[in-house]
Amino acid sequence: MREGEAVAAEPYEYKECGLEGIFLHNGYDIIEHEGERFVSVVDTESLHRSIGEFLVVQKKELAPNEVRFLRKTMDLTQSELGRWMGKDSQTVARWEKGQTDIPTVADRLLRAIFLLRTMAPEERENFLDILKDIEDMDDLTPRRVEMYLNRDGNWHDGLRRHATA
């Protein structure tokens, strides 16, 4: 958390990320300017990495908008992601639009690419463990994801809050 920042009484639903059910409990400011309301989020790059990590580590199946979120968080075009995965850009577009399901092997490759592109070098060795544990993930992943900003400035989901706070 930022110095002296409390958890908000009313969490902010962070719809700007393109996903539903992401709630921020702190790490944001609501700014009123000329009668309009704006929200400023602390370190959106780190927040998006944390949301992406939640998706690849906690969700058994990725929804189309989550595939798109992961690609955008990695700052890749559909063509670039397709090249990494041995697919064309149209295949990636169909996954993101929900026109075709992402095959299991491609889903796992997307998770690995995300983790490798966004994690610190010292953490990369753990990504194989995450991939092999996907089948054991709970089918009842919460629809609402609670996000917190720690005192050290790192974002995390509520499921890991007590372990890292």
Protein backbone atom coordinates (compact mmCIF):
# COMPACT_ATOMS: atom_id res chain seq x y z
CA MET A 1 0.00 0.00 0.00
CA ARG A 2 1.08 3.56 -0.45
CA GLU A 3 2.27 5.17 2.75
CA GLY A 4 -0.72 5.72 5.04
CA GLU A 5 -3.27 4.44 2.51
CA ALA A 6 -6.20 2.51 3.89
CA VAL A 7 -8.29 -0.08 2.13
CA ALA A 8 -11.29 1.66 0.52
CA ALA A 9 -14.68 1.14 2.12
CA GLU A 10 -16.13 0.58 -1.36
CA PRO A 11 -13.85 -1.29 -3.79
CA TYR A 12 -13.50 0.11 -7.30
CA GLU A 13 -14.52 -2.20 -10.16
CA TYR A 14 -11.65 -1.90 -12.62
CA LYS A 15 -13.56 -2.29 -15.91
CA GLU A 16 -10.90 -0.39 -17.86
CA CYS A 17 -8.77 -3.54 -18.05
CA GLY A 18 -11.38 -5.21 -20.29
CA LEU A 19 -12.26 -7.92 -17.75
CA GLU A 20 -15.27 -8.26 -15.51
CA GLY A 21 -15.07 -8.81 -11.79
CA ILE A 22 -11.71 -7.14 -11.03
CA PHE A 23 -12.02 -5.00 -7.90
CA LEU A 24 -9.33 -2.68 -6.49
CA HIS A 25 -9.37 -2.11 -2.76
CA ASN A 26 -6.64 0.50 -2.79
CA GLY A 27 -3.95 1.84 -5.10
CA TYR A 28 -6.25 4.22 -6.94
CA ASP A 29 -7.48 7.80 -6.67
CA ILE A 30 -10.79 9.22 -7.84
CA ILE A 31 -10.30 12.68 -9.29
CA GLU A 32 -13.12 15.13 -10.02
CA HIS A 33 -12.38 17.62 -12.80
CA GLU A 34 -14.93 20.02 -14.28
CA GLY A 35 -17.81 17.83 -13.16
CA GLU A 36 -16.32 14.61 -14.56
CA ARG A 37 -14.97 11.73 -12.52
CA PHE A 38 -11.63 10.14 -13.43
CA VAL A 39 -9.80 7.26 -11.81
CA SER A 40 -6.02 7.16 -11.56
CA VAL A 41 -4.52 3.74 -10.82
CA VAL A 42 -1.05 3.32 -9.34
CA ASP A 43 1.37 1.38 -11.56
CA THR A 44 -1.10 -0.11 -14.05
CA GLU A 45 1.68 -2.14 -15.67
CA SER A 46 2.34 -4.00 -12.42
CA LEU A 47 -1.40 -4.33 -11.75
CA HIS A 48 -1.97 -5.89 -15.18
CA ARG A 49 0.92 -8.31 -14.64
CA SER A 50 -0.64 -9.34 -11.32
CA ILE A 51 -4.09 -9.80 -12.86
CA GLY A 52 -2.49 -11.82 -15.67
CA GLU A 53 -0.61 -13.94 -13.17
CA PHE A 54 -3.87 -14.60 -11.34
CA LEU A 55 -5.46 -15.73 -14.61
CA VAL A 56 -2.66 -18.10 -15.63
CA VAL A 57 -2.14 -19.57 -12.16
CA GLN A 58 -5.71 -19.72 -10.81
CA LYS A 59 -8.01 -20.29 -13.80
CA LYS A 60 -8.45 -23.70 -15.40
CA GLU A 61 -9.96 -22.32 -18.62
CA LEU A 62 -9.26 -18.91 -20.13
CA ALA A 63 -12.18 -16.87 -21.52
CA PRO A 64 -11.74 -15.04 -24.83
CA ASN A 65 -11.39 -11.62 -23.16
CA GLU A 66 -8.75 -13.10 -20.83
CA VAL A 67 -6.72 -14.35 -23.81
CA ARG A 68 -6.85 -10.82 -25.23
CA PHE A 69 -5.93 -9.31 -21.83
CA LEU A 70 -2.86 -11.55 -21.56
CA ARG A 71 -1.74 -10.70 -25.10
CA LYS A 72 -2.16 -6.97 -24.54
CA THR A 73 -0.41 -7.12 -21.16
CA MET A 74 2.58 -8.70 -22.94
CA ASP A 75 2.37 -5.83 -25.47
CA LEU A 76 2.09 -8.25 -28.40
CA THR A 77 0.02 -7.98 -31.57
CA GLN A 78 -2.14 -10.91 -32.61
CA SER A 79 0.41 -11.61 -35.32
CA GLU A 80 3.33 -11.60 -32.86
CA LEU A 81 1.55 -13.89 -30.40
CA GLY A 82 0.54 -16.16 -33.27
CA ARG A 83 4.14 -16.39 -34.41
CA TRP A 84 5.25 -17.35 -30.87
CA MET A 85 2.57 -20.05 -30.80
CA GLY A 86 2.98 -21.36 -34.34
CA LYS A 87 -0.41 -19.94 -35.41
CA ASP A 88 -1.53 -17.10 -37.64
CA SER A 89 -3.07 -13.83 -36.44
CA GLN A 90 -6.56 -14.92 -37.53
CA THR A 91 -6.42 -17.94 -35.23
CA VAL A 92 -5.51 -15.68 -32.29
CA ALA A 93 -8.32 -13.28 -33.28
CA ARG A 94 -10.83 -16.16 -33.31
CA TRP A 95 -9.72 -17.21 -29.81
CA GLU A 96 -10.11 -13.63 -28.57
CA LYS A 97 -13.57 -13.26 -30.13
CA GLY A 98 -14.72 -16.63 -28.79
CA GLN A 99 -15.34 -17.94 -32.31
CA THR A 100 -13.19 -21.00 -31.59
CA ASP A 101 -11.95 -22.47 -28.33
CA ILE A 102 -8.27 -22.22 -27.60
CA PRO A 103 -6.88 -25.79 -27.70
CA THR A 104 -5.40 -27.15 -24.48
CA VAL A 105 -1.83 -27.18 -25.80
CA ALA A 106 -2.14 -23.59 -27.07
CA ASP A 107 -3.68 -22.51 -23.74
CA ARG A 108 -0.72 -23.93 -21.84
CA LEU A 109 1.76 -22.39 -24.25
CA LEU A 110 0.06 -18.99 -23.84
CA ARG A 111 0.37 -19.32 -20.05
CA ALA A 112 4.06 -20.22 -20.33
CA ILE A 113 4.77 -17.34 -22.70
CA PHE A 114 2.98 -14.92 -20.37
CA LEU A 115 4.90 -16.09 -17.33
CA LEU A 116 8.23 -16.04 -19.13
CA ARG A 117 7.68 -12.56 -20.57
CA THR A 118 6.46 -10.98 -17.33
CA MET A 119 8.24 -12.70 -14.45
CA ALA A 120 11.55 -11.81 -12.89
CA PRO A 121 14.42 -14.01 -14.07
CA GLU A 122 14.78 -15.68 -10.66
CA GLU A 123 11.12 -16.75 -10.76
CA ARG A 124 11.21 -18.40 -14.19
CA GLU A 125 12.12 -21.82 -12.81
CA ASN A 126 8.69 -22.16 -11.13
CA PHE A 127 6.65 -21.81 -14.32
CA LEU A 128 6.79 -25.52 -15.20
CA ASP A 129 5.19 -26.36 -11.86
CA ILE A 130 2.32 -24.00 -12.60
CA LEU A 131 1.74 -25.55 -16.04
CA LYS A 132 1.59 -29.07 -14.72
CA ASP A 133 -0.87 -28.08 -11.97
CA ILE A 134 -3.51 -26.55 -14.29
CA GLU A 135 -5.58 -29.73 -14.32
CA ASP A 136 -5.85 -29.61 -10.53
CA MET A 137 -7.16 -26.04 -10.43
CA ASP A 138 -10.55 -25.50 -8.93
CA ASP A 139 -13.33 -25.32 -11.51
CA LEU A 140 -15.06 -22.79 -9.28
CA THR A 141 -12.60 -19.93 -9.66
CA PRO A 142 -14.24 -16.85 -8.15
CA ARG A 143 -16.02 -14.54 -10.59
CA ARG A 144 -14.91 -11.56 -8.52
CA VAL A 145 -11.18 -11.01 -8.11
CA GLU A 146 -10.10 -8.74 -5.28
CA MET A 147 -6.87 -6.81 -5.98
CA TYR A 148 -4.70 -5.07 -3.36
CA LEU A 149 -1.63 -2.86 -3.52
CA ASN A 150 0.92 -3.87 -0.84
CA ARG A 151 3.04 -1.48 1.15
CA ASP A 152 5.98 -2.55 -1.02
CA GLY A 153 4.10 -1.33 -4.11
CA ASN A 154 3.29 -4.77 -5.57
CA TRP A 155 -0.22 -5.72 -6.66
CA HIS A 156 -1.69 -9.11 -5.68
CA ASP A 157 -5.01 -10.88 -5.68
CA GLY A 158 -6.99 -11.40 -2.48
CA LEU A 159 -6.36 -15.15 -2.51
CA ARG A 160 -2.67 -14.53 -1.86
CA ARG A 161 -3.15 -11.40 0.26
CA HIS A 162 -2.23 -12.82 3.61
CA ALA A 163 0.74 -14.72 2.26
CA THR A 164 2.34 -11.59 0.74
CA ALA A 165 0.94 -8.68 2.75
